[in-house]
N, C-alpha and C. Protein backbone atom coordinates (compact mmCIF):
# COMPACT_ATOMS: atom_id res chain seq x y z
N MET A 1 49.60 -12.47 -29.42
CA MET A 1 49.82 -13.88 -29.27
C MET A 1 50.55 -14.45 -30.49
N SER A 2 50.28 -13.90 -31.67
CA SER A 2 50.90 -14.40 -32.88
C SER A 2 52.40 -14.07 -32.92
N VAL A 3 52.79 -13.02 -32.20
CA VAL A 3 54.20 -12.66 -32.14
C VAL A 3 55.01 -13.77 -31.46
N ILE A 4 54.44 -14.40 -30.47
CA ILE A 4 55.12 -15.48 -29.77
C ILE A 4 55.40 -16.65 -30.71
N TYR A 5 54.45 -16.97 -31.57
CA TYR A 5 54.65 -18.03 -32.55
C TYR A 5 55.75 -17.70 -33.54
N ILE A 6 55.78 -16.46 -33.95
CA ILE A 6 56.82 -16.02 -34.91
C ILE A 6 58.18 -16.09 -34.26
N LEU A 7 58.29 -15.58 -33.04
CA LEU A 7 59.58 -15.62 -32.33
C LEU A 7 60.02 -17.04 -32.04
N LEU A 8 59.08 -17.92 -31.72
CA LEU A 8 59.40 -19.32 -31.47
C LEU A 8 59.93 -19.99 -32.74
N ALA A 9 59.29 -19.72 -33.86
CA ALA A 9 59.74 -20.29 -35.12
C ALA A 9 61.11 -19.79 -35.50
N ILE A 10 61.36 -18.47 -35.31
CA ILE A 10 62.68 -17.91 -35.63
C ILE A 10 63.75 -18.49 -34.73
N SER A 11 63.45 -18.66 -33.44
CA SER A 11 64.44 -19.22 -32.52
C SER A 11 64.79 -20.66 -32.85
N ILE A 12 63.79 -21.42 -33.28
CA ILE A 12 64.04 -22.81 -33.65
C ILE A 12 64.90 -22.87 -34.93
N ILE A 13 64.64 -21.99 -35.87
CA ILE A 13 65.45 -21.94 -37.09
C ILE A 13 66.89 -21.56 -36.77
N VAL A 14 67.09 -20.59 -35.90
CA VAL A 14 68.44 -20.18 -35.50
C VAL A 14 69.15 -21.32 -34.78
N ALA A 15 68.45 -22.01 -33.90
CA ALA A 15 69.06 -23.14 -33.16
C ALA A 15 69.46 -24.26 -34.11
N ILE A 16 68.60 -24.56 -35.08
CA ILE A 16 68.93 -25.58 -36.08
C ILE A 16 70.17 -25.16 -36.89
N GLY A 17 70.22 -23.86 -37.23
CA GLY A 17 71.38 -23.33 -37.97
C GLY A 17 72.69 -23.50 -37.18
N PHE A 18 72.64 -23.18 -35.90
CA PHE A 18 73.86 -23.33 -35.09
C PHE A 18 74.21 -24.81 -34.94
N PHE A 19 73.24 -25.69 -34.83
CA PHE A 19 73.51 -27.12 -34.72
C PHE A 19 74.17 -27.65 -35.99
N ILE A 20 73.67 -27.23 -37.13
CA ILE A 20 74.25 -27.65 -38.40
C ILE A 20 75.67 -27.13 -38.55
N ALA A 21 75.91 -25.89 -38.14
CA ALA A 21 77.29 -25.33 -38.18
C ALA A 21 78.21 -26.11 -37.27
N PHE A 22 77.74 -26.51 -36.09
CA PHE A 22 78.54 -27.30 -35.18
C PHE A 22 78.87 -28.65 -35.75
N VAL A 23 77.89 -29.33 -36.34
CA VAL A 23 78.13 -30.65 -36.91
C VAL A 23 79.13 -30.55 -38.07
N LEU A 24 79.00 -29.56 -38.90
CA LEU A 24 79.94 -29.37 -40.01
C LEU A 24 81.35 -29.09 -39.50
N ALA A 25 81.48 -28.32 -38.43
CA ALA A 25 82.79 -28.02 -37.88
C ALA A 25 83.44 -29.26 -37.29
N VAL A 26 82.67 -30.09 -36.64
CA VAL A 26 83.21 -31.32 -36.08
C VAL A 26 83.63 -32.26 -37.18
N ARG A 27 82.83 -32.40 -38.21
CA ARG A 27 83.17 -33.30 -39.31
C ARG A 27 84.39 -32.84 -40.09
N SER A 28 84.62 -31.54 -40.18
CA SER A 28 85.76 -31.04 -40.93
C SER A 28 87.05 -31.06 -40.11
N GLY A 29 86.96 -31.46 -38.82
CA GLY A 29 88.17 -31.58 -38.02
C GLY A 29 88.55 -30.29 -37.31
N GLN A 30 87.62 -29.40 -37.17
CA GLN A 30 87.91 -28.11 -36.51
C GLN A 30 88.37 -28.27 -35.08
N TYR A 31 87.86 -29.30 -34.39
CA TYR A 31 88.17 -29.46 -32.98
C TYR A 31 89.23 -30.52 -32.73
N ASP A 32 89.86 -31.05 -33.80
CA ASP A 32 90.94 -32.00 -33.62
C ASP A 32 92.18 -31.31 -33.07
N ASP A 33 92.85 -31.95 -32.15
CA ASP A 33 94.05 -31.38 -31.56
C ASP A 33 95.26 -32.12 -32.13
N SER A 34 95.94 -31.51 -33.05
CA SER A 34 97.11 -32.15 -33.64
C SER A 34 98.42 -31.61 -33.07
N TYR A 35 98.36 -30.62 -32.20
CA TYR A 35 99.57 -30.03 -31.66
C TYR A 35 100.01 -30.71 -30.36
N THR A 36 99.07 -30.95 -29.46
CA THR A 36 99.42 -31.46 -28.13
C THR A 36 100.10 -32.82 -28.17
N PRO A 37 99.63 -33.79 -28.95
CA PRO A 37 100.35 -35.07 -28.94
C PRO A 37 101.81 -35.01 -29.37
N SER A 38 102.14 -34.07 -30.24
CA SER A 38 103.50 -33.97 -30.71
C SER A 38 104.45 -33.37 -29.67
N VAL A 39 103.95 -32.59 -28.74
CA VAL A 39 104.82 -31.98 -27.72
C VAL A 39 104.58 -32.59 -26.35
N ARG A 40 103.78 -33.61 -26.24
CA ARG A 40 103.48 -34.17 -24.92
C ARG A 40 104.72 -34.76 -24.26
N MET A 41 105.63 -35.33 -25.07
CA MET A 41 106.81 -35.96 -24.48
C MET A 41 107.79 -34.91 -23.96
N LEU A 42 107.64 -33.66 -24.35
CA LEU A 42 108.54 -32.61 -23.88
C LEU A 42 108.18 -32.13 -22.47
N PHE A 43 106.95 -32.37 -22.04
CA PHE A 43 106.52 -31.92 -20.74
C PHE A 43 106.86 -32.98 -19.70
N GLU A 44 107.27 -32.53 -18.53
CA GLU A 44 107.57 -33.47 -17.48
C GLU A 44 106.28 -33.99 -16.87
N ASP A 45 106.34 -35.26 -16.48
CA ASP A 45 105.17 -35.83 -15.79
C ASP A 45 105.16 -35.35 -14.37
N GLU A 46 103.96 -35.22 -13.84
CA GLU A 46 103.82 -34.80 -12.45
C GLU A 46 104.26 -35.97 -11.57
N LEU A 47 104.93 -35.61 -10.50
CA LEU A 47 105.37 -36.65 -9.58
C LEU A 47 104.18 -37.13 -8.78
N VAL A 48 104.11 -38.41 -8.64
CA VAL A 48 103.02 -39.00 -7.84
C VAL A 48 103.57 -39.22 -6.43
N LYS A 49 102.90 -38.57 -5.47
CA LYS A 49 103.34 -38.69 -4.10
C LYS A 49 102.85 -40.00 -3.52
N ASP A 50 103.71 -40.60 -2.69
CA ASP A 50 103.29 -41.84 -2.03
C ASP A 50 102.17 -41.53 -1.05
N LYS A 51 101.25 -42.43 -0.96
CA LYS A 51 100.16 -42.25 -0.01
C LYS A 51 100.71 -42.49 1.40
N PRO A 52 100.33 -41.67 2.33
CA PRO A 52 100.79 -41.89 3.70
C PRO A 52 100.19 -43.18 4.25
N GLN A 53 101.06 -43.90 4.92
CA GLN A 53 100.58 -45.15 5.46
C GLN A 53 99.72 -44.90 6.68
N LYS A 54 98.72 -45.72 6.81
CA LYS A 54 97.82 -45.60 7.95
C LYS A 54 98.50 -46.11 9.20
N THR A 55 98.33 -45.35 10.24
CA THR A 55 98.91 -45.80 11.52
C THR A 55 97.74 -46.15 12.45
N VAL A 56 97.99 -47.17 13.23
CA VAL A 56 96.94 -47.60 14.16
C VAL A 56 97.29 -46.99 15.51
N LEU A 57 96.36 -46.23 16.01
CA LEU A 57 96.55 -45.59 17.32
C LEU A 57 95.98 -46.51 18.40
N THR A 58 96.75 -46.67 19.43
CA THR A 58 96.25 -47.48 20.53
C THR A 58 96.19 -46.62 21.78
N LYS A 59 95.29 -46.94 22.65
CA LYS A 59 95.14 -46.18 23.89
C LYS A 59 96.12 -46.74 24.90
N LYS A 60 96.69 -45.83 25.64
CA LYS A 60 97.50 -46.25 26.76
C LYS A 60 96.64 -46.41 27.97
N THR A 61 96.84 -47.46 28.62
CA THR A 61 96.07 -47.63 29.83
C THR A 61 96.98 -47.46 31.03
N ASN A 62 96.53 -46.67 31.94
CA ASN A 62 97.29 -46.46 33.18
C ASN A 62 96.89 -47.48 34.20
N ASN A 63 97.78 -48.37 34.54
CA ASN A 63 97.52 -49.38 35.55
C ASN A 63 98.20 -49.09 36.84
């Protein structure tokens, strides 16, 4: 039973370590994208297709 407590403590320490590493990476600008905004104007925009207009169907009556 004591092994579970040891493993739990180690896993919490490892998780805190990864969280600290993530926070430091975000603060240092590791995930900032400086390339895409500079080349965005070189890419063509996707064409927006017109929405099809709704048609009203009427029943033909045979008289």
